[in-house]
Amino acid sequence: MTDTKTILITGASRGIGHLASLALAAHGHRVYAGMRDIAGSNKDAASAMQAQAQAERLNLVPLELDVTNAQACQTAIDKIEADGPLDVLVNNAGVMPVGLTEAFTMEQAKDVFDVNVYGIMRLTRAALPCMRARKSGLVINLSSSAGRFGMPYFGIYCASKWAVEAYSEALHHELETFGITCVLIEPSGHGTDLVTTAPAPQDTARLEAYGDLAAGRERLLDMFGHMFATDLIGTDANNVATAIAQLIEMPGARPMRVQVGHDMGVSAVNEAVAPLQAKLIETLKPVYRGARQA
């Protein structure tokens, strides 16, 4: 590790966020572990994290943070900045609905985007002004293999992650003149509770119209559960925590996208699209930067 960073990671009460918080603190970083309802539903998670931090002498602080609330996002950033500059923002919080796409209600779809997309936007908007003023910062957004493919029964989830990909790539180019880097991590399936807590579609009439296809959700979840139970290396969520730490501590330029876990063809898609995207950016850059055209 080259130097100590102050890091905020969201969705830290469990899964990848929890593992990454502990890993980053163990590397000597100052970590704020963002989670909702520290005094209520996540009280035990926060208390356990505090106890572990004290026992292992880690600079790790559970922080009240609900990414669906703009004021909560700003309050969290203000608290961190009051103690010292925020160097790294890791937008990890997310939900993964699984089921027939048509059978998810509009309210359900909005709830997913409120966390997976707008949550990232809220917190990033809160963090960027201070980073821009310092001309320094790193934003890591957790996407997914689902951000590069459309998959049956994952339509709402894929749509949200595609949105994260586009948002992050735009920021990547817009922020570079301020010394700020925005990058993506694209994990494949990993053994977290995203599967066991996956929201199901609520429009029962539309589910019934699909007949036996409606049972595809349970069959897919069973498949993933079996894979996570047997493939303990490729689907270990610590892989993602390690990738986050490596990106933060990486010297020099960071890649725009980092794929983690079973590839599923994501690297091939990234490699194929990269030169096309680069050509588009080079075409647009003289325009949006106001450079005089030949």
C-alpha atoms as a PDB file:
ATOM      1  CA  MET A   1       0.000   0.000   0.000  1.00  0.00           C
ATOM      2  CA  THR A   2       1.375   3.412  -0.970  1.00  0.00           C
ATOM      3  CA  ASP A   3      -0.624   5.615   1.377  1.00  0.00           C
ATOM      4  CA  THR A   4      -3.624   5.599   3.669  1.00  0.00           C
ATOM      5  CA  LYS A   5      -6.956   6.591   2.131  1.00  0.00           C
ATOM      6  CA  THR A   6     -10.236   7.704   3.645  1.00  0.00           C
ATOM      7  CA  ILE A   7     -12.900   5.503   2.085  1.00  0.00           C
ATOM      8  CA  LEU A   8     -16.699   5.377   2.184  1.00  0.00           C
ATOM      9  CA  ILE A   9     -18.358   2.140   1.086  1.00  0.00           C
ATOM     10  CA  THR A  10     -22.122   1.662   0.937  1.00  0.00           C
ATOM     11  CA  GLY A  11     -24.151  -1.455   1.665  1.00  0.00           C
ATOM     12  CA  ALA A  12     -21.624  -2.456   4.310  1.00  0.00           C
ATOM     13  CA  SER A  13     -23.932  -4.311   6.681  1.00  0.00           C
ATOM     14  CA  ARG A  14     -23.493  -7.568   4.773  1.00  0.00           C
ATOM     15  CA  GLY A  15     -22.056  -9.274   1.709  1.00  0.00           C
ATOM     16  CA  ILE A  16     -19.435  -7.632  -0.462  1.00  0.00           C
ATOM     17  CA  GLY A  17     -19.722  -4.289   1.342  1.00  0.00           C
ATOM     18  CA  HIS A  18     -19.068  -5.898   4.720  1.00  0.00           C
ATOM     19  CA  LEU A  19     -16.119  -7.948   3.439  1.00  0.00           C
ATOM     20  CA  ALA A  20     -14.607  -5.001   1.576  1.00  0.00           C
ATOM     21  CA  SER A  21     -14.901  -2.735   4.617  1.00  0.00           C
ATOM     22  CA  LEU A  22     -12.968  -5.192   6.765  1.00  0.00           C
ATOM     23  CA  ALA A  23     -10.381  -5.873   4.048  1.00  0.00           C
ATOM     24  CA  LEU A  24      -9.721  -2.191   3.386  1.00  0.00           C
ATOM     25  CA  ALA A  25      -9.444  -1.404   7.097  1.00  0.00           C
ATOM     26  CA  ALA A  26      -7.050  -4.335   7.509  1.00  0.00           C
ATOM     27  CA  HIS A  27      -4.898  -2.737   4.785  1.00  0.00           C
ATOM     28  CA  GLY A  28      -4.578   0.316   7.017  1.00  0.00           C
ATOM     29  CA  HIS A  29      -7.160   2.558   5.396  1.00  0.00           C
ATOM     30  CA  ARG A  30      -9.682   4.689   7.267  1.00  0.00           C
ATOM     31  CA  VAL A  31     -13.044   3.187   6.343  1.00  0.00           C
ATOM     32  CA  TYR A  32     -16.571   4.445   6.838  1.00  0.00           C
ATOM     33  CA  ALA A  33     -18.960   1.519   6.473  1.00  0.00           C
ATOM     34  CA  GLY A  34     -22.265   2.963   5.289  1.00  0.00           C
ATOM     35  CA  MET A  35     -25.435   1.118   6.281  1.00  0.00           C
ATOM     36  CA  ARG A  36     -29.087   1.875   6.949  1.00  0.00           C
ATOM     37  CA  ASP A  37     -30.806   1.901  10.310  1.00  0.00           C
ATOM     38  CA  ILE A  38     -27.804   1.394  12.575  1.00  0.00           C
ATOM     39  CA  ALA A  39     -30.019   1.800  15.637  1.00  0.00           C
ATOM     40  CA  GLY A  40     -32.593  -0.693  14.347  1.00  0.00           C
ATOM     41  CA  SER A  41     -32.455  -3.463  11.759  1.00  0.00           C
ATOM     42  CA  ASN A  42     -28.672  -3.227  11.329  1.00  0.00           C
ATOM     43  CA  LYS A  43     -27.859  -2.671  15.000  1.00  0.00           C
ATOM     44  CA  ASP A  44     -26.312  -6.135  15.400  1.00  0.00           C
ATOM     45  CA  ALA A  45     -24.255  -5.784  12.204  1.00  0.00           C
ATOM     46  CA  ALA A  46     -22.932  -2.390  13.270  1.00  0.00           C
ATOM     47  CA  SER A  47     -22.152  -3.580  16.803  1.00  0.00           C
ATOM     48  CA  ALA A  48     -20.312  -6.659  15.522  1.00  0.00           C
ATOM     49  CA  MET A  49     -18.282  -4.523  13.125  1.00  0.00           C
ATOM     50  CA  GLN A  50     -17.375  -2.080  15.893  1.00  0.00           C
ATOM     51  CA  ALA A  51     -16.320  -4.924  18.166  1.00  0.00           C
ATOM     52  CA  GLN A  52     -14.132  -6.462  15.466  1.00  0.00           C
ATOM     53  CA  ALA A  53     -12.602  -3.075  14.669  1.00  0.00           C
ATOM     54  CA  GLN A  54     -11.751  -2.556  18.322  1.00  0.00           C
ATOM     55  CA  ALA A  55     -10.335  -6.060  18.750  1.00  0.00           C
ATOM     56  CA  GLU A  56      -8.174  -5.799  15.617  1.00  0.00           C
ATOM     57  CA  ARG A  57      -7.386  -2.087  16.043  1.00  0.00           C
ATOM     58  CA  LEU A  58      -8.934  -1.192  12.707  1.00  0.00           C
ATOM     59  CA  ASN A  59      -9.864   2.335  11.683  1.00  0.00           C
ATOM     60  CA  LEU A  60     -13.382   1.256  10.743  1.00  0.00           C
ATOM     61  CA  VAL A  61     -16.527   3.250  11.566  1.00  0.00           C
ATOM     62  CA  PRO A  62     -20.128   2.157  10.831  1.00  0.00           C
ATOM     63  CA  LEU A  63     -21.940   5.182   9.410  1.00  0.00           C
ATOM     64  CA  GLU A  64     -25.682   5.782   9.135  1.00  0.00           C
ATOM     65  CA  LEU A  65     -26.477   6.062   5.427  1.00  0.00           C
ATOM     66  CA  ASP A  66     -29.579   5.453   3.338  1.00  0.00           C
ATOM     67  CA  VAL A  67     -28.735   5.925  -0.346  1.00  0.00           C
ATOM     68  CA  THR A  68     -32.416   6.455  -1.197  1.00  0.00           C
ATOM     69  CA  ASN A  69     -32.428   9.682   0.847  1.00  0.00           C
ATOM     70  CA  ALA A  70     -30.624  12.684  -0.637  1.00  0.00           C
ATOM     71  CA  GLN A  71     -30.281  14.480   2.707  1.00  0.00           C
ATOM     72  CA  ALA A  72     -28.867  11.347   4.353  1.00  0.00           C
ATOM     73  CA  CYS A  73     -26.273  11.129   1.575  1.00  0.00           C
ATOM     74  CA  GLN A  74     -25.246  14.756   2.026  1.00  0.00           C
ATOM     75  CA  THR A  75     -25.144  14.401   5.818  1.00  0.00           C
ATOM     76  CA  ALA A  76     -22.855  11.365   5.553  1.00  0.00           C
ATOM     77  CA  ILE A  77     -20.466  13.153   3.201  1.00  0.00           C
ATOM     78  CA  ASP A  78     -20.445  16.284   5.379  1.00  0.00           C
ATOM     79  CA  LYS A  79     -19.604  14.189   8.460  1.00  0.00           C
ATOM     80  CA  ILE A  80     -16.682  12.498   6.719  1.00  0.00           C
ATOM     81  CA  GLU A  81     -15.356  15.740   5.231  1.00  0.00           C
ATOM     82  CA  ALA A  82     -15.498  17.383   8.647  1.00  0.00           C
ATOM     83  CA  ASP A  83     -13.076  14.748   9.951  1.00  0.00           C
ATOM     84  CA  GLY A  84     -10.839  14.755   6.884  1.00  0.00           C
ATOM     85  CA  PRO A  85     -11.047  14.617   3.085  1.00  0.00           C
ATOM     86  CA  LEU A  86     -12.846  11.713   1.433  1.00  0.00           C
ATOM     87  CA  ASP A  87     -10.453  10.053  -1.014  1.00  0.00           C
ATOM     88  CA  VAL A  88     -12.524   7.122  -2.283  1.00  0.00           C
ATOM     89  CA  LEU A  89     -16.235   6.477  -2.705  1.00  0.00           C
ATOM     90  CA  VAL A  90     -17.299   2.857  -3.278  1.00  0.00           C
ATOM     91  CA  ASN A  91     -20.928   2.644  -4.404  1.00  0.00           C
ATOM     92  CA  ASN A  92     -21.762  -0.954  -3.531  1.00  0.00           C
ATOM     93  CA  ALA A  93     -25.327  -0.942  -2.141  1.00  0.00           C
ATOM     94  CA  GLY A  94     -27.777  -2.781  -4.374  1.00  0.00           C
ATOM     95  CA  VAL A  95     -30.706  -5.168  -4.729  1.00  0.00           C
ATOM     96  CA  MET A  96     -31.202  -7.950  -7.269  1.00  0.00           C
ATOM     97  CA  PRO A  97     -34.800  -8.733  -8.272  1.00  0.00           C
ATOM     98  CA  VAL A  98     -35.274 -12.088  -9.999  1.00  0.00           C
ATOM     99  CA  GLY A  99     -38.373 -13.164 -11.908  1.00  0.00           C
ATOM    100  CA  LEU A 100     -40.435 -12.599 -15.023  1.00  0.00           C
ATOM    101  CA  THR A 101     -39.796  -9.044 -16.120  1.00  0.00           C
ATOM    102  CA  GLU A 102     -43.397  -8.181 -17.020  1.00  0.00           C
ATOM    103  CA  ALA A 103     -44.644  -9.314 -13.612  1.00  0.00           C
ATOM    104  CA  PHE A 104     -42.639  -6.746 -11.673  1.00  0.00           C
ATOM    105  CA  THR A 105     -44.876  -3.784 -10.915  1.00  0.00           C
ATOM    106  CA  MET A 106     -43.830  -0.267 -11.799  1.00  0.00           C
ATOM    107  CA  GLU A 107     -43.490   0.478  -8.094  1.00  0.00           C
ATOM    108  CA  GLN A 108     -41.073  -2.437  -7.742  1.00  0.00           C
ATOM    109  CA  ALA A 109     -39.057  -1.264 -10.737  1.00  0.00           C
ATOM    110  CA  LYS A 110     -38.835   2.237  -9.275  1.00  0.00           C
ATOM    111  CA  ASP A 111     -37.664   0.814  -5.935  1.00  0.00           C
ATOM    112  CA  VAL A 112     -34.849  -1.093  -7.656  1.00  0.00           C
ATOM    113  CA  PHE A 113     -33.672   1.951  -9.588  1.00  0.00           C
ATOM    114  CA  ASP A 114     -33.939   4.058  -6.430  1.00  0.00           C
ATOM    115  CA  VAL A 115     -31.173   1.961  -4.849  1.00  0.00           C
ATOM    116  CA  ASN A 116     -29.129   0.631  -7.778  1.00  0.00           C
ATOM    117  CA  VAL A 117     -29.061   3.765  -9.924  1.00  0.00           C
ATOM    118  CA  TYR A 118     -30.375   6.859  -8.161  1.00  0.00           C
ATOM    119  CA  GLY A 119     -28.628   5.840  -4.937  1.00  0.00           C
ATOM    120  CA  ILE A 120     -25.299   5.968  -6.769  1.00  0.00           C
ATOM    121  CA  MET A 121     -26.222   9.288  -8.330  1.00  0.00           C
ATOM    122  CA  ARG A 122     -27.275  10.848  -5.013  1.00  0.00           C
ATOM    123  CA  LEU A 123     -24.148   9.893  -3.147  1.00  0.00           C
ATOM    124  CA  THR A 124     -21.783  10.665  -6.018  1.00  0.00           C
ATOM    125  CA  ARG A 125     -23.337  14.116  -6.437  1.00  0.00           C
ATOM    126  CA  ALA A 126     -22.844  14.706  -2.720  1.00  0.00           C
ATOM    127  CA  ALA A 127     -19.190  13.644  -2.844  1.00  0.00           C
ATOM    128  CA  LEU A 128     -17.983  15.234  -6.085  1.00  0.00           C
ATOM    129  CA  PRO A 129     -17.925  18.959  -5.200  1.00  0.00           C
ATOM    130  CA  CYS A 130     -15.242  18.448  -2.537  1.00  0.00           C
ATOM    131  CA  MET A 131     -13.292  16.077  -4.774  1.00  0.00           C
ATOM    132  CA  ARG A 132     -13.412  18.574  -7.643  1.00  0.00           C
ATOM    133  CA  ALA A 133     -12.227  21.370  -5.357  1.00  0.00           C
ATOM    134  CA  ARG A 134      -9.232  19.215  -4.356  1.00  0.00           C
ATOM    135  CA  LYS A 135      -8.746  17.917  -7.924  1.00  0.00           C
ATOM    136  CA  SER A 136      -8.429  14.438  -6.514  1.00  0.00           C
ATOM    137  CA  GLY A 137     -10.642  11.428  -5.890  1.00  0.00           C
ATOM    138  CA  LEU A 138     -11.717   7.947  -6.896  1.00  0.00           C
ATOM    139  CA  VAL A 139     -15.255   6.696  -7.440  1.00  0.00           C
ATOM    140  CA  ILE A 140     -15.759   2.930  -7.771  1.00  0.00           C
ATOM    141  CA  ASN A 141     -19.207   1.811  -8.870  1.00  0.00           C
ATOM    142  CA  LEU A 142     -20.259  -1.805  -8.453  1.00  0.00           C
ATOM    143  CA  SER A 143     -21.913  -2.970 -11.646  1.00  0.00           C
ATOM    144  CA  SER A 144     -22.314  -6.623 -12.649  1.00  0.00           C
ATOM    145  CA  SER A 145     -22.028  -9.077 -15.513  1.00  0.00           C
ATOM    146  CA  ALA A 146     -25.690  -8.135 -15.832  1.00  0.00           C
ATOM    147  CA  GLY A 147     -24.510  -4.661 -16.810  1.00  0.00           C
ATOM    148  CA  ARG A 148     -23.143  -6.055 -20.074  1.00  0.00           C
ATOM    149  CA  PHE A 149     -25.828  -8.618 -20.965  1.00  0.00           C
ATOM    150  CA  GLY A 150     -29.600  -8.849 -21.017  1.00  0.00           C
ATOM    151  CA  MET A 151     -30.774 -12.051 -19.318  1.00  0.00           C
ATOM    152  CA  PRO A 152     -34.237 -13.589 -18.884  1.00  0.00           C
ATOM    153  CA  TYR A 153     -35.656 -13.217 -15.363  1.00  0.00           C
ATOM    154  CA  PHE A 154     -33.091 -10.500 -14.637  1.00  0.00           C
ATOM    155  CA  GLY A 155     -34.621  -7.806 -16.840  1.00  0.00           C
ATOM    156  CA  ILE A 156     -35.094  -5.149 -14.141  1.00  0.00           C
ATOM    157  CA  TYR A 157     -31.716  -5.875 -12.563  1.00  0.00           C
ATOM    158  CA  CYS A 158     -29.917  -5.810 -15.927  1.00  0.00           C
ATOM    159  CA  ALA A 159     -31.617  -2.540 -16.839  1.00  0.00           C
ATOM    160  CA  SER A 160     -30.425  -0.927 -13.605  1.00  0.00           C
ATOM    161  CA  LYS A 161     -26.851  -2.123 -14.074  1.00  0.00           C
ATOM    162  CA  TRP A 162     -26.773  -1.031 -17.729  1.00  0.00           C
ATOM    163  CA  ALA A 163     -27.748   2.413 -16.442  1.00  0.00           C
ATOM    164  CA  VAL A 164     -24.877   2.321 -13.936  1.00  0.00           C
ATOM    165  CA  GLU A 165     -22.458   1.437 -16.743  1.00  0.00           C
ATOM    166  CA  ALA A 166     -23.526   4.389 -18.902  1.00  0.00           C
ATOM    167  CA  TYR A 167     -23.573   6.843 -15.993  1.00  0.00           C
ATOM    168  CA  SER A 168     -20.118   5.759 -14.835  1.00  0.00           C
ATOM    169  CA  GLU A 169     -18.539   5.904 -18.275  1.00  0.00           C
ATOM    170  CA  ALA A 170     -19.840   9.433 -18.829  1.00  0.00           C
ATOM    171  CA  LEU A 171     -18.433  10.527 -15.453  1.00  0.00           C
ATOM    172  CA  HIS A 172     -15.131   8.817 -16.248  1.00  0.00           C
ATOM    173  CA  HIS A 173     -14.568  11.228 -19.125  1.00  0.00           C
ATOM    174  CA  GLU A 174     -16.169  14.326 -17.613  1.00  0.00           C
ATOM    175  CA  LEU A 175     -14.119  14.157 -14.412  1.00  0.00           C
ATOM    176  CA  GLU A 176     -10.674  13.372 -15.798  1.00  0.00           C
ATOM    177  CA  THR A 177      -9.663  17.047 -16.064  1.00  0.00           C
ATOM    178  CA  PHE A 178     -10.354  17.380 -12.319  1.00  0.00           C
ATOM    179  CA  GLY A 179      -7.995  14.559 -11.399  1.00  0.00           C
ATOM    180  CA  ILE A 180     -10.923  12.317 -10.419  1.00  0.00           C
ATOM    181  CA  THR A 181     -11.257   8.752 -11.678  1.00  0.00           C
ATOM    182  CA  CYS A 182     -14.585   6.929 -12.002  1.00  0.00           C
ATOM    183  CA  VAL A 183     -14.376   3.187 -12.674  1.00  0.00           C
ATOM    184  CA  LEU A 184     -16.555   0.081 -12.686  1.00  0.00           C
ATOM    185  CA  ILE A 185     -16.246  -3.354 -11.133  1.00  0.00           C
ATOM    186  CA  GLU A 186     -18.274  -6.043 -12.914  1.00  0.00           C
ATOM    187  CA  PRO A 187     -18.669  -9.136 -10.707  1.00  0.00           C
ATOM    188  CA  SER A 188     -20.307 -12.293 -11.950  1.00  0.00           C
ATOM    189  CA  GLY A 189     -22.392 -14.349  -9.503  1.00  0.00           C
ATOM    190  CA  HIS A 190     -20.886 -14.492  -6.018  1.00  0.00           C
ATOM    191  CA  GLY A 191     -22.081 -16.113  -2.827  1.00  0.00           C
ATOM    192  CA  THR A 192     -23.858 -13.270  -1.056  1.00  0.00           C
ATOM    193  CA  ASP A 193     -27.377 -12.815   0.243  1.00  0.00           C
ATOM    194  CA  LEU A 194     -28.402 -11.005  -2.957  1.00  0.00           C
ATOM    195  CA  VAL A 195     -29.735 -14.389  -4.042  1.00  0.00           C
ATOM    196  CA  THR A 196     -31.523 -15.304  -0.810  1.00  0.00           C
ATOM    197  CA  THR A 197     -33.070 -11.828  -0.531  1.00  0.00           C
ATOM    198  CA  ALA A 198     -33.910 -11.360  -4.227  1.00  0.00           C
ATOM    199  CA  PRO A 199     -37.283  -9.583  -4.564  1.00  0.00           C
ATOM    200  CA  ALA A 200     -39.932 -11.569  -6.481  1.00  0.00           C
ATOM    201  CA  PRO A 201     -42.443 -10.083  -8.936  1.00  0.00           C
ATOM    202  CA  GLN A 202     -45.733  -9.113  -7.305  1.00  0.00           C
ATOM    203  CA  ASP A 203     -48.178  -9.029 -10.226  1.00  0.00           C
ATOM    204  CA  THR A 204     -49.722 -12.467  -9.703  1.00  0.00           C
ATOM    205  CA  ALA A 205     -52.133 -12.196 -12.641  1.00  0.00           C
ATOM    206  CA  ARG A 206     -49.274 -11.705 -15.063  1.00  0.00           C
ATOM    207  CA  LEU A 207     -47.289 -14.490 -13.430  1.00  0.00           C
ATOM    208  CA  GLU A 208     -50.203 -16.876 -13.920  1.00  0.00           C
ATOM    209  CA  ALA A 209     -50.410 -15.913 -17.597  1.00  0.00           C
ATOM    210  CA  TYR A 210     -46.903 -17.322 -18.123  1.00  0.00           C
ATOM    211  CA  GLY A 211     -47.815 -20.753 -16.751  1.00  0.00           C
ATOM    212  CA  ASP A 212     -44.837 -22.945 -15.842  1.00  0.00           C
ATOM    213  CA  LEU A 213     -42.399 -20.254 -16.987  1.00  0.00           C
ATOM    214  CA  ALA A 214     -43.189 -18.416 -13.754  1.00  0.00           C
ATOM    215  CA  ALA A 215     -41.331 -21.178 -11.897  1.00  0.00           C
ATOM    216  CA  GLY A 216     -38.138 -20.241 -13.751  1.00  0.00           C
ATOM    217  CA  ARG A 217     -37.242 -17.860 -10.940  1.00  0.00           C
ATOM    218  CA  GLU A 218     -36.992 -20.648  -8.378  1.00  0.00           C
ATOM    219  CA  ARG A 219     -35.097 -22.904 -10.750  1.00  0.00           C
ATOM    220  CA  LEU A 220     -32.543 -20.185 -11.429  1.00  0.00           C
ATOM    221  CA  LEU A 221     -32.151 -19.351  -7.744  1.00  0.00           C
ATOM    222  CA  ASP A 222     -31.663 -23.041  -6.960  1.00  0.00           C
ATOM    223  CA  MET A 223     -28.984 -23.236  -9.672  1.00  0.00           C
ATOM    224  CA  PHE A 224     -27.132 -20.249  -8.231  1.00  0.00           C
ATOM    225  CA  GLY A 225     -27.452 -21.596  -4.699  1.00  0.00           C
ATOM    226  CA  HIS A 226     -25.909 -24.903  -5.762  1.00  0.00           C
ATOM    227  CA  MET A 227     -23.116 -23.108  -7.638  1.00  0.00           C
ATOM    228  CA  PHE A 228     -22.269 -20.945  -4.623  1.00  0.00           C
ATOM    229  CA  ALA A 229     -22.230 -23.995  -2.350  1.00  0.00           C
ATOM    230  CA  THR A 230     -19.882 -26.006  -4.567  1.00  0.00           C
ATOM    231  CA  ASP A 231     -17.680 -23.482  -6.406  1.00  0.00           C
ATOM    232  CA  LEU A 232     -16.040 -21.939  -3.374  1.00  0.00           C
ATOM    233  CA  ILE A 233     -13.181 -20.277  -5.274  1.00  0.00           C
ATOM    234  CA  GLY A 234     -14.784 -18.676  -8.319  1.00  0.00           C
ATOM    235  CA  THR A 235     -17.832 -17.427  -6.418  1.00  0.00           C
ATOM    236  CA  ASP A 236     -16.191 -16.345  -3.148  1.00  0.00           C
ATOM    237  CA  ALA A 237     -17.348 -12.769  -2.456  1.00  0.00           C
ATOM    238  CA  ASN A 238     -13.896 -12.010  -1.057  1.00  0.00           C
ATOM    239  CA  ASN A 239     -12.757 -11.934  -4.700  1.00  0.00           C
ATOM    240  CA  VAL A 240     -14.711  -8.720  -5.170  1.00  0.00           C
ATOM    241  CA  ALA A 241     -13.421  -7.216  -1.920  1.00  0.00           C
ATOM    242  CA  THR A 242      -9.879  -7.948  -3.114  1.00  0.00           C
ATOM    243  CA  ALA A 243     -10.566  -6.323  -6.495  1.00  0.00           C
ATOM    244  CA  ILE A 244     -11.844  -3.179  -4.762  1.00  0.00           C
ATOM    245  CA  ALA A 245      -8.690  -2.984  -2.628  1.00  0.00           C
ATOM    246  CA  GLN A 246      -6.452  -3.539  -5.655  1.00  0.00           C
ATOM    247  CA  LEU A 247      -8.140  -0.736  -7.582  1.00  0.00           C
ATOM    248  CA  ILE A 248      -7.770   1.674  -4.688  1.00  0.00           C
ATOM    249  CA  GLU A 249      -4.103   0.847  -4.147  1.00  0.00           C
ATOM    250  CA  MET A 250      -3.195   0.583  -7.851  1.00  0.00           C
ATOM    251  CA  PRO A 251      -0.388   2.925  -8.927  1.00  0.00           C
ATOM    252  CA  GLY A 252      -0.841   4.853 -12.136  1.00  0.00           C
ATOM    253  CA  ALA A 253      -3.858   4.782 -14.428  1.00  0.00           C
ATOM    254  CA  ARG A 254      -6.748   2.492 -13.521  1.00  0.00           C
ATOM    255  CA  PRO A 255      -8.774   0.497 -16.062  1.00  0.00           C
ATOM    256  CA  MET A 256     -12.289   1.722 -16.778  1.00  0.00           C
ATOM    257  CA  ARG A 257     -13.723  -1.743 -16.110  1.00  0.00           C
ATOM    258  CA  VAL A 258     -12.580  -4.671 -13.958  1.00  0.00           C
ATOM    259  CA  GLN A 259     -14.340  -8.022 -14.352  1.00  0.00           C
ATOM    260  CA  VAL A 260     -14.341 -10.334 -11.305  1.00  0.00           C
ATOM    261  CA  GLY A 261     -15.276 -14.024 -11.052  1.00  0.00           C
ATOM    262  CA  HIS A 262     -16.497 -16.280 -13.857  1.00  0.00           C
ATOM    263  CA  ASP A 263     -16.035 -14.239 -17.004  1.00  0.00           C
ATOM    264  CA  MET A 264     -19.290 -15.179 -18.801  1.00  0.00           C
ATOM    265  CA  GLY A 265     -18.003 -13.388 -21.909  1.00  0.00           C
ATOM    266  CA  VAL A 266     -17.851  -9.974 -20.228  1.00  0.00           C
ATOM    267  CA  SER A 267     -14.170  -9.440 -21.038  1.00  0.00           C
ATOM    268  CA  ALA A 268     -14.821 -10.182 -24.712  1.00  0.00           C
ATOM    269  CA  VAL A 269     -17.642  -7.629 -24.767  1.00  0.00           C
ATOM    270  CA  ASN A 270     -15.468  -5.045 -23.032  1.00  0.00           C
ATOM    271  CA  GLU A 271     -12.578  -5.616 -25.438  1.00  0.00           C
ATOM    272  CA  ALA A 272     -14.851  -5.404 -28.476  1.00  0.00           C
ATOM    273  CA  VAL A 273     -16.608  -2.234 -27.363  1.00  0.00           C
ATOM    274  CA  ALA A 274     -13.559  -0.350 -26.005  1.00  0.00           C
ATOM    275  CA  PRO A 275     -12.102   0.824 -29.349  1.00  0.00           C
ATOM    276  CA  LEU A 276     -15.533   1.885 -30.608  1.00  0.00           C
ATOM    277  CA  GLN A 277     -16.171   3.840 -27.409  1.00  0.00           C
ATOM    278  CA  ALA A 278     -12.702   5.397 -27.577  1.00  0.00           C
ATOM    279  CA  LYS A 279     -13.284   6.509 -31.172  1.00  0.00           C
ATOM    280  CA  LEU A 280     -16.598   8.117 -30.190  1.00  0.00           C
ATOM    281  CA  ILE A 281     -14.967   9.962 -27.276  1.00  0.00           C
ATOM    282  CA  GLU A 282     -12.141  11.227 -29.467  1.00  0.00           C
ATOM    283  CA  THR A 283     -14.721  12.533 -31.935  1.00  0.00           C
ATOM    284  CA  LEU A 284     -16.727  14.308 -29.246  1.00  0.00           C
ATOM    285  CA  LYS A 285     -13.861  15.594 -27.110  1.00  0.00           C
ATOM    286  CA  PRO A 286     -12.957  18.646 -29.252  1.00  0.00           C
ATOM    287  CA  VAL A 287     -16.623  19.647 -29.177  1.00  0.00           C
ATOM    288  CA  TYR A 288     -17.393  19.359 -25.487  1.00  0.00           C
ATOM    289  CA  ARG A 289     -14.021  20.767 -24.476  1.00  0.00           C
ATOM    290  CA  GLY A 290     -14.507  23.740 -26.753  1.00  0.00           C
ATOM    291  CA  ALA A 291     -11.365  23.066 -28.781  1.00  0.00           C
ATOM    292  CA  ARG A 292     -11.208  24.679 -32.200  1.00  0.00           C
ATOM    293  CA  GLN A 293     -11.882  22.178 -34.976  1.00  0.00           C
ATOM    294  CA  ALA A 294      -9.593  21.935 -37.980  1.00  0.00           C
END
